[in-house]
Amino acid sequence: MTLDEIKSAVLAGKTVQWISSNYVVKYHDKSKQFSIVCLSNNHSIGLTWRDGVTINGKPEQFFISDTN
């Protein structure tokens, strides 16, 4: 998925995962930022590097959950 596809899917209420179901992309209303959250320990990293363009992870590793 591209960065725009990831953001659009999350904003549309879909569950976007990274690598496995343990990592979910979340949008934070207060900060207006996206992050990747590990569900097992609640640790998170930004969806992108500081440049706002380079994704933390490979585009092909992101997918929309089958449960949506």
PDB file of N, CA and C in Angstrom:
ATOM      1  N   MET A   1       0.841  -1.179   0.000  1.00  0.00           N
ATOM      2  CA  MET A   1       0.000   0.000   0.000  1.00  0.00           C
ATOM      3  C   MET A   1       0.883   1.238   0.000  1.00  0.00           C
ATOM      4  N   THR A   2       0.448   2.255  -0.672  1.00  0.00           N
ATOM      5  CA  THR A   2       1.171   3.524  -0.656  1.00  0.00           C
ATOM      6  C   THR A   2       0.820   4.279   0.619  1.00  0.00           C
ATOM      7  N   LEU A   3       1.579   5.309   0.917  1.00  0.00           N
ATOM      8  CA  LEU A   3       1.308   6.137   2.085  1.00  0.00           C
ATOM      9  C   LEU A   3      -0.102   6.724   2.013  1.00  0.00           C
ATOM     10  N   ASP A   4      -0.475   7.239   0.874  1.00  0.00           N
ATOM     11  CA  ASP A   4      -1.815   7.817   0.710  1.00  0.00           C
ATOM     12  C   ASP A   4      -2.908   6.772   0.890  1.00  0.00           C
ATOM     13  N   GLU A   5      -2.692   5.563   0.385  1.00  0.00           N
ATOM     14  CA  GLU A   5      -3.675   4.486   0.550  1.00  0.00           C
ATOM     15  C   GLU A   5      -3.827   4.108   2.018  1.00  0.00           C
ATOM     16  N   ILE A   6      -2.725   4.045   2.732  1.00  0.00           N
ATOM     17  CA  ILE A   6      -2.755   3.713   4.162  1.00  0.00           C
ATOM     18  C   ILE A   6      -3.552   4.770   4.919  1.00  0.00           C
ATOM     19  N   LYS A   7      -3.192   6.030   4.706  1.00  0.00           N
ATOM     20  CA  LYS A   7      -3.871   7.123   5.409  1.00  0.00           C
ATOM     21  C   LYS A   7      -5.352   7.156   5.087  1.00  0.00           C
ATOM     22  N   SER A   8      -5.695   7.024   3.830  1.00  0.00           N
ATOM     23  CA  SER A   8      -7.106   7.051   3.422  1.00  0.00           C
ATOM     24  C   SER A   8      -7.899   5.914   4.052  1.00  0.00           C
ATOM     25  N   ALA A   9      -7.308   4.731   4.075  1.00  0.00           N
ATOM     26  CA  ALA A   9      -7.995   3.572   4.653  1.00  0.00           C
ATOM     27  C   ALA A   9      -8.219   3.766   6.152  1.00  0.00           C
ATOM     28  N   VAL A  10      -7.214   4.242   6.854  1.00  0.00           N
ATOM     29  CA  VAL A  10      -7.354   4.464   8.296  1.00  0.00           C
ATOM     30  C   VAL A  10      -8.422   5.520   8.569  1.00  0.00           C
ATOM     31  N   LEU A  11      -8.379   6.609   7.831  1.00  0.00           N
ATOM     32  CA  LEU A  11      -9.369   7.676   8.024  1.00  0.00           C
ATOM     33  C   LEU A  11     -10.785   7.224   7.657  1.00  0.00           C
ATOM     34  N   ALA A  12     -10.884   6.218   6.794  1.00  0.00           N
ATOM     35  CA  ALA A  12     -12.195   5.665   6.420  1.00  0.00           C
ATOM     36  C   ALA A  12     -12.688   4.632   7.431  1.00  0.00           C
ATOM     37  N   GLY A  13     -11.911   4.410   8.483  1.00  0.00           N
ATOM     38  CA  GLY A  13     -12.326   3.488   9.530  1.00  0.00           C
ATOM     39  C   GLY A  13     -11.899   2.049   9.335  1.00  0.00           C
ATOM     40  N   LYS A  14     -11.049   1.804   8.342  1.00  0.00           N
ATOM     41  CA  LYS A  14     -10.566   0.448   8.102  1.00  0.00           C
ATOM     42  C   LYS A  14      -9.361   0.170   8.997  1.00  0.00           C
ATOM     43  N   THR A  15      -9.143  -1.100   9.307  1.00  0.00           N
ATOM     44  CA  THR A  15      -7.999  -1.503  10.117  1.00  0.00           C
ATOM     45  C   THR A  15      -6.846  -1.844   9.187  1.00  0.00           C
ATOM     46  N   VAL A  16      -5.800  -1.019   9.230  1.00  0.00           N
ATOM     47  CA  VAL A  16      -4.604  -1.264   8.424  1.00  0.00           C
ATOM     48  C   VAL A  16      -3.548  -1.863   9.338  1.00  0.00           C
ATOM     49  N   GLN A  17      -3.014  -2.993   8.918  1.00  0.00           N
ATOM     50  CA  GLN A  17      -2.007  -3.687   9.702  1.00  0.00           C
ATOM     51  C   GLN A  17      -0.675  -3.689   8.979  1.00  0.00           C
ATOM     52  N   TRP A  18       0.392  -3.894   9.762  1.00  0.00           N
ATOM     53  CA  TRP A  18       1.751  -3.920   9.212  1.00  0.00           C
ATOM     54  C   TRP A  18       2.386  -5.233   9.616  1.00  0.00           C
ATOM     55  N   ILE A  19       2.799  -6.001   8.699  1.00  0.00           N
ATOM     56  CA  ILE A  19       3.468  -7.293   8.851  1.00  0.00           C
ATOM     57  C   ILE A  19       2.548  -8.372   9.430  1.00  0.00           C
ATOM     58  N   SER A  20       1.862  -8.076  10.537  1.00  0.00           N
ATOM     59  CA  SER A  20       0.981  -9.063  11.174  1.00  0.00           C
ATOM     60  C   SER A  20      -0.167  -8.335  11.862  1.00  0.00           C
ATOM     61  N   SER A  21      -1.063  -9.113  12.433  1.00  0.00           N
ATOM     62  CA  SER A  21      -2.199  -8.510  13.129  1.00  0.00           C
ATOM     63  C   SER A  21      -1.785  -7.832  14.432  1.00  0.00           C
ATOM     64  N   ASN A  22      -0.544  -8.003  14.852  1.00  0.00           N
ATOM     65  CA  ASN A  22      -0.047  -7.391  16.085  1.00  0.00           C
ATOM     66  C   ASN A  22       0.277  -5.903  15.917  1.00  0.00           C
ATOM     67  N   TYR A  23       0.451  -5.442  14.689  1.00  0.00           N
ATOM     68  CA  TYR A  23       0.810  -4.045  14.429  1.00  0.00           C
ATOM     69  C   TYR A  23      -0.303  -3.360  13.635  1.00  0.00           C
ATOM     70  N   VAL A  24      -0.831  -2.273  14.190  1.00  0.00           N
ATOM     71  CA  VAL A  24      -1.968  -1.579  13.598  1.00  0.00           C
ATOM     72  C   VAL A  24      -1.619  -0.107  13.413  1.00  0.00           C
ATOM     73  N   VAL A  25      -2.031   0.453  12.280  1.00  0.00           N
ATOM     74  CA  VAL A  25      -1.818   1.882  12.024  1.00  0.00           C
ATOM     75  C   VAL A  25      -2.975   2.649  12.652  1.00  0.00           C
ATOM     76  N   LYS A  26      -2.629   3.637  13.470  1.00  0.00           N
ATOM     77  CA  LYS A  26      -3.624   4.462  14.164  1.00  0.00           C
ATOM     78  C   LYS A  26      -3.443   5.927  13.785  1.00  0.00           C
ATOM     79  N   TYR A  27      -4.543   6.678  13.834  1.00  0.00           N
ATOM     80  CA  TYR A  27      -4.509   8.117  13.626  1.00  0.00           C
ATOM     81  C   TYR A  27      -4.851   8.785  14.945  1.00  0.00           C
ATOM     82  N   HIS A  28      -4.086   9.787  15.305  1.00  0.00           N
ATOM     83  CA  HIS A  28      -4.280  10.491  16.567  1.00  0.00           C
ATOM     84  C   HIS A  28      -4.843  11.881  16.278  1.00  0.00           C
ATOM     85  N   ASP A  29      -6.094  12.081  16.659  1.00  0.00           N
ATOM     86  CA  ASP A  29      -6.791  13.343  16.384  1.00  0.00           C
ATOM     87  C   ASP A  29      -6.070  14.558  16.970  1.00  0.00           C
ATOM     88  N   LYS A  30      -5.594  14.440  18.199  1.00  0.00           N
ATOM     89  CA  LYS A  30      -4.959  15.591  18.854  1.00  0.00           C
ATOM     90  C   LYS A  30      -3.700  16.048  18.126  1.00  0.00           C
ATOM     91  N   SER A  31      -2.844  15.113  17.753  1.00  0.00           N
ATOM     92  CA  SER A  31      -1.576  15.468  17.105  1.00  0.00           C
ATOM     93  C   SER A  31      -1.672  15.477  15.585  1.00  0.00           C
ATOM     94  N   LYS A  32      -2.784  14.964  15.044  1.00  0.00           N
ATOM     95  CA  LYS A  32      -2.970  14.864  13.586  1.00  0.00           C
ATOM     96  C   LYS A  32      -1.874  14.024  12.925  1.00  0.00           C
ATOM     97  N   GLN A  33      -1.415  12.984  13.635  1.00  0.00           N
ATOM     98  CA  GLN A  33      -0.351  12.141  13.118  1.00  0.00           C
ATOM     99  C   GLN A  33      -0.762  10.673  13.120  1.00  0.00           C
ATOM    100  N   PHE A  34      -0.111   9.909  12.255  1.00  0.00           N
ATOM    101  CA  PHE A  34      -0.330   8.476  12.146  1.00  0.00           C
ATOM    102  C   PHE A  34       0.831   7.752  12.815  1.00  0.00           C
ATOM    103  N   SER A  35       0.532   6.619  13.428  1.00  0.00           N
ATOM    104  CA  SER A  35       1.591   5.813  14.016  1.00  0.00           C
ATOM    105  C   SER A  35       1.276   4.336  13.824  1.00  0.00           C
ATOM    106  N   ILE A  36       2.313   3.524  14.001  1.00  0.00           N
ATOM    107  CA  ILE A  36       2.169   2.077  13.980  1.00  0.00           C
ATOM    108  C   ILE A  36       2.248   1.635  15.433  1.00  0.00           C
ATOM    109  N   VAL A  37       1.200   0.966  15.915  1.00  0.00           N
ATOM    110  CA  VAL A  37       1.117   0.580  17.314  1.00  0.00           C
ATOM    111  C   VAL A  37       1.212  -0.939  17.433  1.00  0.00           C
ATOM    112  N   CYS A  38       2.083  -1.390  18.339  1.00  0.00           N
ATOM    113  CA  CYS A  38       2.187  -2.813  18.646  1.00  0.00           C
ATOM    114  C   CYS A  38       1.119  -3.131  19.687  1.00  0.00           C
ATOM    115  N   LEU A  39       0.193  -4.009  19.361  1.00  0.00           N
ATOM    116  CA  LEU A  39      -0.917  -4.300  20.261  1.00  0.00           C
ATOM    117  C   LEU A  39      -0.498  -5.078  21.499  1.00  0.00           C
ATOM    118  N   SER A  40       0.602  -5.814  21.439  1.00  0.00           N
ATOM    119  CA  SER A  40       1.010  -6.626  22.590  1.00  0.00           C
ATOM    120  C   SER A  40       1.659  -5.810  23.704  1.00  0.00           C
ATOM    121  N   ASN A  41       2.259  -4.648  23.364  1.00  0.00           N
ATOM    122  CA  ASN A  41       2.905  -3.852  24.423  1.00  0.00           C
ATOM    123  C   ASN A  41       2.585  -2.354  24.334  1.00  0.00           C
ATOM    124  N   ASN A  42       1.754  -1.964  23.382  1.00  0.00           N
ATOM    125  CA  ASN A  42       1.326  -0.577  23.179  1.00  0.00           C
ATOM    126  C   ASN A  42       2.461   0.369  22.785  1.00  0.00           C
ATOM    127  N   HIS A  43       3.594  -0.179  22.364  1.00  0.00           N
ATOM    128  CA  HIS A  43       4.701   0.648  21.866  1.00  0.00           C
ATOM    129  C   HIS A  43       4.330   1.133  20.468  1.00  0.00           C
ATOM    130  N   SER A  44       4.740   2.362  20.146  1.00  0.00           N
ATOM    131  CA  SER A  44       4.412   2.867  18.813  1.00  0.00           C
ATOM    132  C   SER A  44       5.587   3.618  18.197  1.00  0.00           C
ATOM    133  N   ILE A  45       5.566   3.660  16.873  1.00  0.00           N
ATOM    134  CA  ILE A  45       6.512   4.459  16.098  1.00  0.00           C
ATOM    135  C   ILE A  45       5.690   5.234  15.075  1.00  0.00           C
ATOM    136  N   GLY A  46       6.264   6.297  14.550  1.00  0.00           N
ATOM    137  CA  GLY A  46       5.571   7.056  13.518  1.00  0.00           C
ATOM    138  C   GLY A  46       5.379   6.220  12.265  1.00  0.00           C
ATOM    139  N   LEU A  47       4.319   6.488  11.551  1.00  0.00           N
ATOM    140  CA  LEU A  47       4.094   5.799  10.278  1.00  0.00           C
ATOM    141  C   LEU A  47       5.196   6.141   9.290  1.00  0.00           C
ATOM    142  N   THR A  48       5.691   7.375   9.377  1.00  0.00           N
ATOM    143  CA  THR A  48       6.761   7.807   8.473  1.00  0.00           C
ATOM    144  C   THR A  48       7.958   8.322   9.257  1.00  0.00           C
ATOM    145  N   TRP A  49       9.046   8.482   8.547  1.00  0.00           N
ATOM    146  CA  TRP A  49      10.219   9.133   9.120  1.00  0.00           C
ATOM    147  C   TRP A  49       9.868  10.599   9.326  1.00  0.00           C
ATOM    148  N   ARG A  50      10.797  11.361   9.855  1.00  0.00           N
ATOM    149  CA  ARG A  50      10.559  12.783  10.107  1.00  0.00           C
ATOM    150  C   ARG A  50      10.251  13.571   8.844  1.00  0.00           C
ATOM    151  N   ASP A  51      10.669  13.040   7.692  1.00  0.00           N
ATOM    152  CA  ASP A  51      10.399  13.756   6.435  1.00  0.00           C
ATOM    153  C   ASP A  51       8.917  13.714   6.048  1.00  0.00           C
ATOM    154  N   GLY A  52       8.124  12.872   6.727  1.00  0.00           N
ATOM    155  CA  GLY A  52       6.701  12.775   6.455  1.00  0.00           C
ATOM    156  C   GLY A  52       6.346  12.040   5.183  1.00  0.00           C
ATOM    157  N   VAL A  53       7.353  11.454   4.529  1.00  0.00           N
ATOM    158  CA  VAL A  53       7.137  10.791   3.242  1.00  0.00           C
ATOM    159  C   VAL A  53       7.607   9.335   3.262  1.00  0.00           C
ATOM    160  N   THR A  54       8.741   9.075   3.891  1.00  0.00           N
ATOM    161  CA  THR A  54       9.330   7.743   3.905  1.00  0.00           C
ATOM    162  C   THR A  54       8.632   6.876   4.958  1.00  0.00           C
ATOM    163  N   ILE A  55       8.020   5.788   4.517  1.00  0.00           N
ATOM    164  CA  ILE A  55       7.256   4.910   5.405  1.00  0.00           C
ATOM    165  C   ILE A  55       8.213   4.050   6.240  1.00  0.00           C
ATOM    166  N   ASN A  56       7.877   3.882   7.521  1.00  0.00           N
ATOM    167  CA  ASN A  56       8.588   2.925   8.381  1.00  0.00           C
ATOM    168  C   ASN A  56       8.074   1.532   8.041  1.00  0.00           C
ATOM    169  N   GLY A  57       8.721   0.893   7.136  1.00  0.00           N
ATOM    170  CA  GLY A  57       8.297  -0.410   6.638  1.00  0.00           C
ATOM    171  C   GLY A  57       8.174  -0.347   5.129  1.00  0.00           C
ATOM    172  N   LYS A  58       8.073  -1.500   4.531  1.00  0.00           N
ATOM    173  CA  LYS A  58       7.919  -1.575   3.082  1.00  0.00           C
ATOM    174  C   LYS A  58       6.436  -1.486   2.725  1.00  0.00           C
ATOM    175  N   PRO A  59       6.111  -0.777   1.645  1.00  0.00           N
ATOM    176  CA  PRO A  59       4.698  -0.627   1.263  1.00  0.00           C
ATOM    177  C   PRO A  59       3.955  -1.955   1.129  1.00  0.00           C
ATOM    178  N   GLU A  60       4.635  -2.992   0.670  1.00  0.00           N
ATOM    179  CA  GLU A  60       3.971  -4.286   0.486  1.00  0.00           C
ATOM    180  C   GLU A  60       3.702  -5.012   1.813  1.00  0.00           C
ATOM    181  N   GLN A  61       4.239  -4.494   2.933  1.00  0.00           N
ATOM    182  CA  GLN A  61       4.009  -5.108   4.241  1.00  0.00           C
ATOM    183  C   GLN A  61       2.717  -4.617   4.904  1.00  0.00           C
ATOM    184  N   PHE A  62       2.097  -3.597   4.348  1.00  0.00           N
ATOM    185  CA  PHE A  62       0.865  -3.050   4.909  1.00  0.00           C
ATOM    186  C   PHE A  62      -0.333  -3.661   4.203  1.00  0.00           C
ATOM    187  N   PHE A  63      -1.379  -3.956   4.980  1.00  0.00           N
ATOM    188  CA  PHE A  63      -2.579  -4.553   4.407  1.00  0.00           C
ATOM    189  C   PHE A  63      -3.793  -4.180   5.229  1.00  0.00           C
ATOM    190  N   ILE A  64      -4.948  -4.240   4.610  1.00  0.00           N
ATOM    191  CA  ILE A  64      -6.209  -3.990   5.305  1.00  0.00           C
ATOM    192  C   ILE A  64      -6.676  -5.308   5.899  1.00  0.00           C
ATOM    193  N   SER A  65      -7.070  -5.258   7.161  1.00  0.00           N
ATOM    194  CA  SER A  65      -7.510  -6.437   7.880  1.00  0.00           C
ATOM    195  C   SER A  65      -8.712  -7.074   7.195  1.00  0.00           C
ATOM    196  N   ASP A  66      -8.765  -8.382   7.218  1.00  0.00           N
ATOM    197  CA  ASP A  66      -9.892  -9.120   6.632  1.00  0.00           C
ATOM    198  C   ASP A  66     -11.161  -8.958   7.441  1.00  0.00           C
ATOM    199  N   THR A  67     -11.043  -8.460   8.657  1.00  0.00           N
ATOM    200  CA  THR A  67     -12.210  -8.344   9.536  1.00  0.00           C
ATOM    201  C   THR A  67     -13.031  -7.104   9.231  1.00  0.00           C
ATOM    202  N   ASN A  68     -12.579  -6.247   8.268  1.00  0.00           N
ATOM    203  CA  ASN A  68     -13.333  -5.042   7.896  1.00  0.00           C
ATOM    204  C   ASN A  68     -14.282  -5.330   6.775  1.00  0.00           C
TER     205      ASN A  68
END
